[in-house]
Protein backbone atom coordinates (compact mmCIF):
# COMPACT_ATOMS: atom_id res chain seq x y z
CA ALA A 1 14.62 -16.81 15.24
CA ARG A 2 13.12 -13.61 14.13
CA ALA A 3 14.17 -14.46 10.53
CA VAL A 4 12.73 -17.80 10.60
CA LYS A 5 9.66 -16.17 11.86
CA ALA A 6 9.59 -13.51 9.15
CA ALA A 7 10.04 -16.15 6.55
CA LYS A 8 6.94 -18.28 7.69
CA CYS A 9 4.86 -15.16 7.64
CA LEU A 10 5.44 -15.32 3.58
CA ASP A 11 3.39 -18.68 3.60
CA GLY A 12 -0.12 -17.66 2.91
CA MET A 13 0.47 -14.06 2.59
CA LYS A 14 -2.01 -11.95 0.30
CA VAL A 15 -0.34 -8.87 -1.21
CA GLY A 16 -2.27 -6.39 -3.23
CA GLN A 17 -1.21 -4.81 -6.33
CA VAL A 18 -2.65 -1.50 -7.86
CA GLY A 19 -1.65 -0.41 -11.27
CA GLY A 20 0.72 -3.43 -12.51
CA SER A 21 4.50 -3.52 -12.22
CA PHE A 22 6.31 -0.39 -13.70
CA ALA A 23 7.97 -1.25 -17.25
CA GLY A 24 11.48 -2.07 -17.29
CA MET A 25 11.65 -2.68 -13.76
CA GLY A 26 12.40 -6.57 -14.31
CA ASP A 27 14.72 -6.86 -11.31
CA PHE A 28 12.01 -7.34 -8.84
CA LEU A 29 9.78 -9.44 -10.83
CA ALA A 30 9.18 -12.86 -9.45
CA GLY A 31 7.26 -15.55 -11.67
CA GLU A 32 4.02 -17.08 -10.51
CA ASP A 33 5.90 -20.27 -9.37
CA ALA A 34 8.44 -18.45 -7.42
CA MET A 35 5.62 -16.63 -5.74
CA ALA A 36 3.92 -19.88 -5.08
CA ARG A 37 6.84 -21.55 -3.68
CA LEU A 38 6.94 -18.83 -0.89
CA GLY A 39 3.36 -19.05 -0.42
CA VAL A 40 2.68 -15.28 -1.47
CA LYS A 41 -0.79 -14.71 -3.30
CA THR A 42 -1.11 -11.60 -5.50
CA VAL A 43 -4.58 -10.02 -5.40
CA VAL A 44 -4.91 -7.15 -8.24
CA CYS A 45 -6.85 -4.37 -7.65
CA ASP A 46 -9.72 -3.98 -10.03
CA GLY A 47 -10.15 -0.33 -10.85
CA ASN A 48 -13.92 -0.54 -10.72
CA GLU A 49 -13.64 -1.88 -7.18
CA LEU A 50 -11.57 1.04 -6.06
CA ALA A 51 -13.45 3.57 -7.84
CA ALA A 52 -16.57 2.15 -6.03
CA LEU A 53 -14.45 2.42 -2.49
CA ARG A 54 -13.20 5.70 -3.31
CA ASP A 55 -16.72 7.13 -3.83
CA SER A 56 -17.93 5.33 -0.57
CA VAL A 57 -15.60 7.50 1.31
CA THR A 58 -17.59 9.94 3.34
CA GLU A 59 -16.47 13.36 4.19
CA ALA A 60 -16.97 12.60 7.77
CA GLU A 61 -14.23 10.00 7.27
CA ILE A 62 -11.96 12.14 5.63
CA ARG A 63 -12.71 14.87 8.51
CA ALA A 64 -12.00 12.47 11.35
CA GLU A 65 -8.64 11.53 9.57
CA TYR A 66 -7.63 15.07 8.90
CA GLU A 67 -8.28 16.00 12.55
CA LYS A 68 -6.38 12.95 13.66
CA ASP A 69 -3.45 13.89 11.48
CA CYS A 70 -3.52 17.44 12.47
CA ALA A 71 -2.96 16.42 15.86
CA GLU A 72 -0.49 13.64 15.41
CA ASN A 73 1.52 14.57 12.00
CA GLY A 74 1.31 18.09 11.49
CA ALA A 75 -1.34 17.82 8.61
CA GLY A 76 -2.55 21.42 9.51
CA ALA A 77 -0.29 22.73 7.05
CA PHE A 78 -2.54 21.80 4.49
CA THR A 79 -6.14 22.96 3.86
CA PHE A 80 -8.81 20.46 4.20
CA GLU A 81 -9.51 20.41 0.77
CA GLN A 82 -5.85 19.81 -0.25
CA TYR A 83 -5.63 16.81 2.01
CA ALA A 84 -9.23 15.38 1.29
CA TYR A 85 -7.88 15.26 -2.55
CA ALA A 86 -5.33 12.40 -1.81
CA GLU A 87 -6.97 11.17 1.44
CA ARG A 88 -10.05 9.84 -0.12
CA VAL A 89 -7.92 7.67 -2.38
CA GLY A 90 -5.74 6.74 0.80
CA LEU A 91 -8.87 5.78 2.73
CA ALA A 92 -10.24 3.88 -0.42
CA ILE A 93 -6.83 2.01 -0.50
CA ARG A 94 -7.08 1.26 3.49
CA LYS A 95 -10.74 -0.22 2.77
CA TRP A 96 -9.50 -2.39 -0.08
CA ILE A 97 -6.56 -3.53 2.12
CA GLU A 98 -8.85 -4.55 5.11
CA ASN A 99 -11.66 -6.20 2.45
CA ASN A 100 -8.87 -8.39 1.10
CA ALA A 101 -7.14 -9.09 4.58
CA LEU A 102 -3.75 -7.89 2.57
CA SER A 103 -0.64 -8.30 4.81
CA ALA A 104 1.03 -5.84 2.09
CA PHE A 105 0.42 -3.88 -1.13
CA THR A 106 2.22 -2.09 -3.96
CA MET A 107 1.31 0.73 -6.11
CA THR A 108 2.61 2.11 -9.33
CA PHE A 109 2.91 5.93 -9.40
CA LEU A 110 2.58 6.01 -13.27
CA SER A 111 -1.16 4.57 -12.94
CA ALA A 112 -2.44 7.33 -10.80
CA GLY A 113 -5.06 8.80 -12.92
CA LYS A 114 -5.08 5.90 -15.29
CA VAL A 115 -6.72 3.16 -12.99
CA GLY A 116 -10.47 3.69 -11.83
CA GLY A 117 -10.32 5.23 -8.49
CA PHE A 118 -6.69 5.58 -8.32
CA ASP A 119 -6.66 9.70 -8.90
CA THR A 120 -3.37 10.41 -7.20
CA MET A 121 -0.88 8.69 -5.47
CA PRO A 122 -1.53 8.21 -1.60
CA PHE A 123 1.56 8.20 -0.39
CA SER A 124 0.32 9.37 3.30
CA GLU A 125 -1.82 6.09 3.37
CA SER A 126 1.41 4.06 2.36
CA SER A 127 3.21 5.72 5.30
CA LYS A 128 0.33 4.82 7.58
CA ALA A 129 -0.08 1.37 6.44
CA MET A 130 3.35 0.68 7.27
CA ALA A 131 2.92 2.02 10.63
CA ARG A 132 0.26 -0.28 11.20
CA GLY A 133 2.45 -3.52 10.12
CA ILE A 134 1.31 -3.45 6.59
CA GLY A 135 4.05 -3.99 3.91
CA TYR A 136 4.61 -1.63 1.11
CA ALA A 137 6.80 -1.33 -1.71
CA GLY A 138 6.64 0.88 -4.82
CA GLU A 139 6.02 0.29 -8.45
CA GLY A 140 4.41 -3.00 -8.46
CA ASP A 141 7.15 -4.82 -6.55
CA VAL A 142 4.91 -7.79 -4.89
CA LEU A 143 8.28 -9.32 -3.95
CA THR A 144 9.44 -6.49 -1.91
CA ALA A 145 6.07 -5.53 -0.47
CA ALA A 146 5.73 -9.20 0.94
CA LEU A 147 9.02 -9.02 2.28
CA VAL A 148 8.21 -5.70 4.20
CA GLY A 149 5.23 -7.17 5.31
CA ALA A 150 6.94 -10.19 6.75
CA LEU A 151 9.59 -8.37 8.44
CA SER A 152 6.60 -6.10 10.04
CA LYS A 153 5.58 -8.70 11.76
CA THR A 154 8.69 -9.51 13.56
CA PHE A 155 10.66 -6.43 13.67
CA PRO A 156 9.59 -3.09 14.80
CA LYS A 157 9.14 -0.24 12.50
CA VAL A 158 10.18 -1.80 9.29
CA ASN A 159 9.95 0.91 6.24
CA PHE A 160 10.74 1.08 2.71
CA THR A 161 12.39 3.56 0.83
CA GLU A 162 12.59 3.96 -2.88
CA MET A 163 16.39 3.73 -3.83
CA PHE A 164 16.37 6.82 -6.17
CA CYS A 165 14.44 8.96 -3.58
CA PRO A 166 17.64 9.62 -1.83
CA ASP A 167 19.63 10.55 -4.88
């Protein structure tokens, strides 16, 4: 029953993509027809939009997130300045997810520093998003991000791990 529910969650799902797909990773690419049959719509992030969102993040927003993460997740091991560098992009990604009502998203690490507003990989925000039930996958993998998003709606604590990271 949960699997059926997860499959139904794909229909109408919006998945955000930042930085395109990782070159040479064709094993996870699904054509527009296949994604349409699943009911998944890809929302491609415009670098200008993300840059504007990044610039709209206030120091007070970052400070509030820092204090929360210090209390809950041990972020105190980092100075506020170290934390703020990545968190500004992370909070911009969070705003983009909210503004576009996304159920999942994916980012390509090689695009960090090349796409407007995407100065660094906000891995912390990827983890926080999954904790909030937002699907995530790396390297522009819209299909896996959608799957993680759908599973998050029916199974508690679904996660994504890059296969090469444990290696």
